[in-house]
């Protein structure tokens, strides 16, 4: 195997020739996601007895940390998630949200509304798509 930056080829010995052995940055985005999950669970435990919906509390906590990240520039290395691809955010959080909704779903209510949901999800979506495309 030939390493283009090896000492034998006249390259800089300070550079890492093999990307496997190069130093890696810690996955700060994963750290941020873990902190978000911890704060979400903490908010659920602390605010469970208040009449405020949990999603509102989580939105307010996220807004506070977002504002803190924009004003306090020492947190820039931990807030690189704000430049993350929106599709990646979608694919990370959507399965969690779907699982949470399905986990707390009442089976009796699910059986009652199954055919209405199927009708809206199938033909209803197609009708809405063609109606929107026609406009």
C-alpha atoms as a PDB file:
ATOM      1  CA  UNK A   1       0.000   0.000   0.000  1.00  0.00           C
ATOM      2  CA  UNK A   2       1.406   3.386  -0.975  1.00  0.00           C
ATOM      3  CA  UNK A   3       0.995   6.396   1.307  1.00  0.00           C
ATOM      4  CA  UNK A   4       1.515   9.614  -0.633  1.00  0.00           C
ATOM      5  CA  UNK A   5       2.605  11.592   2.439  1.00  0.00           C
ATOM      6  CA  UNK A   6       4.901   9.013   3.972  1.00  0.00           C
ATOM      7  CA  UNK A   7       8.430   9.858   5.029  1.00  0.00           C
ATOM      8  CA  UNK A   8       9.804   7.417   2.458  1.00  0.00           C
ATOM      9  CA  UNK A   9       8.058   9.303  -0.353  1.00  0.00           C
ATOM     10  CA  UNK A  10       9.482  12.600   0.889  1.00  0.00           C
ATOM     11  CA  UNK A  11       6.284  13.730   2.575  1.00  0.00           C
ATOM     12  CA  UNK A  12       5.903  15.576   5.849  1.00  0.00           C
ATOM     13  CA  UNK A  13       6.336  13.162   8.773  1.00  0.00           C
ATOM     14  CA  UNK A  14       4.017  15.330  10.870  1.00  0.00           C
ATOM     15  CA  UNK A  15       1.050  14.588   8.634  1.00  0.00           C
ATOM     16  CA  UNK A  16      -0.928  11.437   9.218  1.00  0.00           C
ATOM     17  CA  UNK A  17      -0.667   9.272   6.137  1.00  0.00           C
ATOM     18  CA  UNK A  18      -3.301   6.792   7.208  1.00  0.00           C
ATOM     19  CA  UNK A  19      -6.686   8.396   7.914  1.00  0.00           C
ATOM     20  CA  UNK A  20      -7.545   5.555  10.301  1.00  0.00           C
ATOM     21  CA  UNK A  21      -4.763   6.582  12.672  1.00  0.00           C
ATOM     22  CA  UNK A  22      -5.386  10.305  12.373  1.00  0.00           C
ATOM     23  CA  UNK A  23      -6.751  12.165  15.360  1.00  0.00           C
ATOM     24  CA  UNK A  24     -10.496  12.573  15.310  1.00  0.00           C
ATOM     25  CA  UNK A  25     -12.673  15.283  16.716  1.00  0.00           C
ATOM     26  CA  UNK A  26     -15.116  14.148  19.379  1.00  0.00           C
ATOM     27  CA  UNK A  27     -18.664  13.747  18.056  1.00  0.00           C
ATOM     28  CA  UNK A  28     -20.052  16.934  19.556  1.00  0.00           C
ATOM     29  CA  UNK A  29     -23.270  16.665  17.543  1.00  0.00           C
ATOM     30  CA  UNK A  30     -24.016  13.326  19.209  1.00  0.00           C
ATOM     31  CA  UNK A  31     -23.208  14.905  22.570  1.00  0.00           C
ATOM     32  CA  UNK A  32     -25.706  17.666  21.786  1.00  0.00           C
ATOM     33  CA  UNK A  33     -28.410  15.140  20.829  1.00  0.00           C
ATOM     34  CA  UNK A  34     -27.800  13.252  24.083  1.00  0.00           C
ATOM     35  CA  UNK A  35     -28.102  16.464  26.100  1.00  0.00           C
ATOM     36  CA  UNK A  36     -31.360  17.279  24.273  1.00  0.00           C
ATOM     37  CA  UNK A  37     -32.772  13.875  25.145  1.00  0.00           C
ATOM     38  CA  UNK A  38     -31.706  14.224  28.777  1.00  0.00           C
ATOM     39  CA  UNK A  39     -33.284  17.680  29.032  1.00  0.00           C
ATOM     40  CA  UNK A  40     -36.468  16.364  27.413  1.00  0.00           C
ATOM     41  CA  UNK A  41     -36.778  13.585  29.980  1.00  0.00           C
ATOM     42  CA  UNK A  42     -35.951  16.002  32.789  1.00  0.00           C
ATOM     43  CA  UNK A  43     -38.588  18.452  31.547  1.00  0.00           C
ATOM     44  CA  UNK A  44     -41.142  15.650  31.366  1.00  0.00           C
ATOM     45  CA  UNK A  45     -40.462  14.639  34.967  1.00  0.00           C
ATOM     46  CA  UNK A  46     -40.349  18.183  36.360  1.00  0.00           C
ATOM     47  CA  UNK A  47     -43.267  19.664  34.402  1.00  0.00           C
ATOM     48  CA  UNK A  48     -45.551  16.599  34.363  1.00  0.00           C
ATOM     49  CA  UNK A  49     -47.878  18.076  36.989  1.00  0.00           C
ATOM     50  CA  UNK A  50     -48.274  21.465  35.323  1.00  0.00           C
ATOM     51  CA  UNK A  51     -51.097  22.133  32.847  1.00  0.00           C
ATOM     52  CA  UNK A  52     -48.558  23.305  30.226  1.00  0.00           C
ATOM     53  CA  UNK A  53     -48.041  20.853  27.316  1.00  0.00           C
ATOM     54  CA  UNK A  54     -44.621  19.205  27.289  1.00  0.00           C
ATOM     55  CA  UNK A  55     -43.903  20.266  23.707  1.00  0.00           C
ATOM     56  CA  UNK A  56     -44.304  23.928  24.697  1.00  0.00           C
ATOM     57  CA  UNK A  57     -41.853  23.481  27.580  1.00  0.00           C
ATOM     58  CA  UNK A  58     -39.357  21.721  25.313  1.00  0.00           C
ATOM     59  CA  UNK A  59     -39.713  24.456  22.692  1.00  0.00           C
ATOM     60  CA  UNK A  60     -38.998  27.129  25.315  1.00  0.00           C
ATOM     61  CA  UNK A  61     -35.958  25.227  26.627  1.00  0.00           C
ATOM     62  CA  UNK A  62     -34.667  24.802  23.065  1.00  0.00           C
ATOM     63  CA  UNK A  63     -35.216  28.480  22.312  1.00  0.00           C
ATOM     64  CA  UNK A  64     -33.272  29.482  25.423  1.00  0.00           C
ATOM     65  CA  UNK A  65     -30.350  27.234  24.510  1.00  0.00           C
ATOM     66  CA  UNK A  66     -30.494  28.407  20.890  1.00  0.00           C
ATOM     67  CA  UNK A  67     -30.267  32.027  21.985  1.00  0.00           C
ATOM     68  CA  UNK A  68     -27.463  31.147  24.373  1.00  0.00           C
ATOM     69  CA  UNK A  69     -25.574  29.448  21.547  1.00  0.00           C
ATOM     70  CA  UNK A  70     -25.827  32.514  19.308  1.00  0.00           C
ATOM     71  CA  UNK A  71     -24.729  34.978  21.990  1.00  0.00           C
ATOM     72  CA  UNK A  72     -22.066  32.975  23.819  1.00  0.00           C
ATOM     73  CA  UNK A  73     -19.455  32.157  21.183  1.00  0.00           C
ATOM     74  CA  UNK A  74     -17.472  29.720  23.328  1.00  0.00           C
ATOM     75  CA  UNK A  75     -20.281  27.231  22.624  1.00  0.00           C
ATOM     76  CA  UNK A  76     -19.766  27.396  18.846  1.00  0.00           C
ATOM     77  CA  UNK A  77     -18.070  24.005  18.693  1.00  0.00           C
ATOM     78  CA  UNK A  78     -21.076  22.424  20.408  1.00  0.00           C
ATOM     79  CA  UNK A  79     -23.699  24.252  18.354  1.00  0.00           C
ATOM     80  CA  UNK A  80     -22.552  23.120  14.919  1.00  0.00           C
ATOM     81  CA  UNK A  81     -25.819  21.180  14.773  1.00  0.00           C
ATOM     82  CA  UNK A  82     -27.569  24.393  13.727  1.00  0.00           C
ATOM     83  CA  UNK A  83     -25.736  24.073  10.384  1.00  0.00           C
ATOM     84  CA  UNK A  84     -26.812  20.442  10.044  1.00  0.00           C
ATOM     85  CA  UNK A  85     -28.696  19.283   6.974  1.00  0.00           C
ATOM     86  CA  UNK A  86     -32.461  19.591   7.639  1.00  0.00           C
ATOM     87  CA  UNK A  87     -33.057  16.168   6.105  1.00  0.00           C
ATOM     88  CA  UNK A  88     -30.684  14.606   8.612  1.00  0.00           C
ATOM     89  CA  UNK A  89     -32.520  16.302  11.482  1.00  0.00           C
ATOM     90  CA  UNK A  90     -35.755  14.986  10.026  1.00  0.00           C
ATOM     91  CA  UNK A  91     -34.446  11.415   9.808  1.00  0.00           C
ATOM     92  CA  UNK A  92     -33.019  11.522  13.346  1.00  0.00           C
ATOM     93  CA  UNK A  93     -36.081  12.871  15.160  1.00  0.00           C
ATOM     94  CA  UNK A  94     -38.987  11.510  13.101  1.00  0.00           C
ATOM     95  CA  UNK A  95     -38.622   7.866  14.226  1.00  0.00           C
ATOM     96  CA  UNK A  96     -38.453   9.014  17.846  1.00  0.00           C
ATOM     97  CA  UNK A  97     -41.618  11.093  17.473  1.00  0.00           C
ATOM     98  CA  UNK A  98     -43.483   8.310  15.666  1.00  0.00           C
ATOM     99  CA  UNK A  99     -42.492   5.789  18.336  1.00  0.00           C
ATOM    100  CA  UNK A 100     -43.583   8.132  21.118  1.00  0.00           C
ATOM    101  CA  UNK A 101     -46.979   8.662  19.500  1.00  0.00           C
ATOM    102  CA  UNK A 102     -47.471   4.954  18.844  1.00  0.00           C
ATOM    103  CA  UNK A 103     -46.345   3.966  22.331  1.00  0.00           C
ATOM    104  CA  UNK A 104     -48.933   6.145  24.052  1.00  0.00           C
ATOM    105  CA  UNK A 105     -51.730   5.358  21.595  1.00  0.00           C
ATOM    106  CA  UNK A 106     -54.902   3.905  23.102  1.00  0.00           C
ATOM    107  CA  UNK A 107     -55.615   0.591  21.343  1.00  0.00           C
ATOM    108  CA  UNK A 108     -59.391   1.040  21.557  1.00  0.00           C
ATOM    109  CA  UNK A 109     -59.221   4.482  19.935  1.00  0.00           C
ATOM    110  CA  UNK A 110     -56.802   3.150  17.304  1.00  0.00           C
ATOM    111  CA  UNK A 111     -59.278   0.422  16.294  1.00  0.00           C
ATOM    112  CA  UNK A 112     -62.098   2.975  16.114  1.00  0.00           C
ATOM    113  CA  UNK A 113     -60.278   5.440  13.849  1.00  0.00           C
ATOM    114  CA  UNK A 114     -58.177   3.016  11.769  1.00  0.00           C
ATOM    115  CA  UNK A 115     -60.358   3.126   8.629  1.00  0.00           C
ATOM    116  CA  UNK A 116     -60.787   6.901   8.761  1.00  0.00           C
ATOM    117  CA  UNK A 117     -57.002   7.309   8.999  1.00  0.00           C
ATOM    118  CA  UNK A 118     -56.475   4.838   6.160  1.00  0.00           C
ATOM    119  CA  UNK A 119     -58.962   6.716   3.992  1.00  0.00           C
ATOM    120  CA  UNK A 120     -57.229  10.032   4.678  1.00  0.00           C
ATOM    121  CA  UNK A 121     -53.722   8.617   4.241  1.00  0.00           C
ATOM    122  CA  UNK A 122     -54.458   6.856   0.952  1.00  0.00           C
ATOM    123  CA  UNK A 123     -57.047   8.392  -1.379  1.00  0.00           C
ATOM    124  CA  UNK A 124     -57.277  11.602   0.636  1.00  0.00           C
ATOM    125  CA  UNK A 125     -53.585  12.292   0.177  1.00  0.00           C
ATOM    126  CA  UNK A 126     -53.765  11.556  -3.549  1.00  0.00           C
ATOM    127  CA  UNK A 127     -56.735  13.909  -3.986  1.00  0.00           C
ATOM    128  CA  UNK A 128     -54.940  16.656  -2.051  1.00  0.00           C
ATOM    129  CA  UNK A 129     -51.771  16.127  -4.102  1.00  0.00           C
ATOM    130  CA  UNK A 130     -53.564  16.399  -7.444  1.00  0.00           C
ATOM    131  CA  UNK A 131     -55.624  19.360  -6.231  1.00  0.00           C
ATOM    132  CA  UNK A 132     -52.471  21.167  -5.148  1.00  0.00           C
ATOM    133  CA  UNK A 133     -50.677  20.325  -8.403  1.00  0.00           C
ATOM    134  CA  UNK A 134     -53.645  21.638 -10.386  1.00  0.00           C
ATOM    135  CA  UNK A 135     -53.464  25.026  -8.694  1.00  0.00           C
END
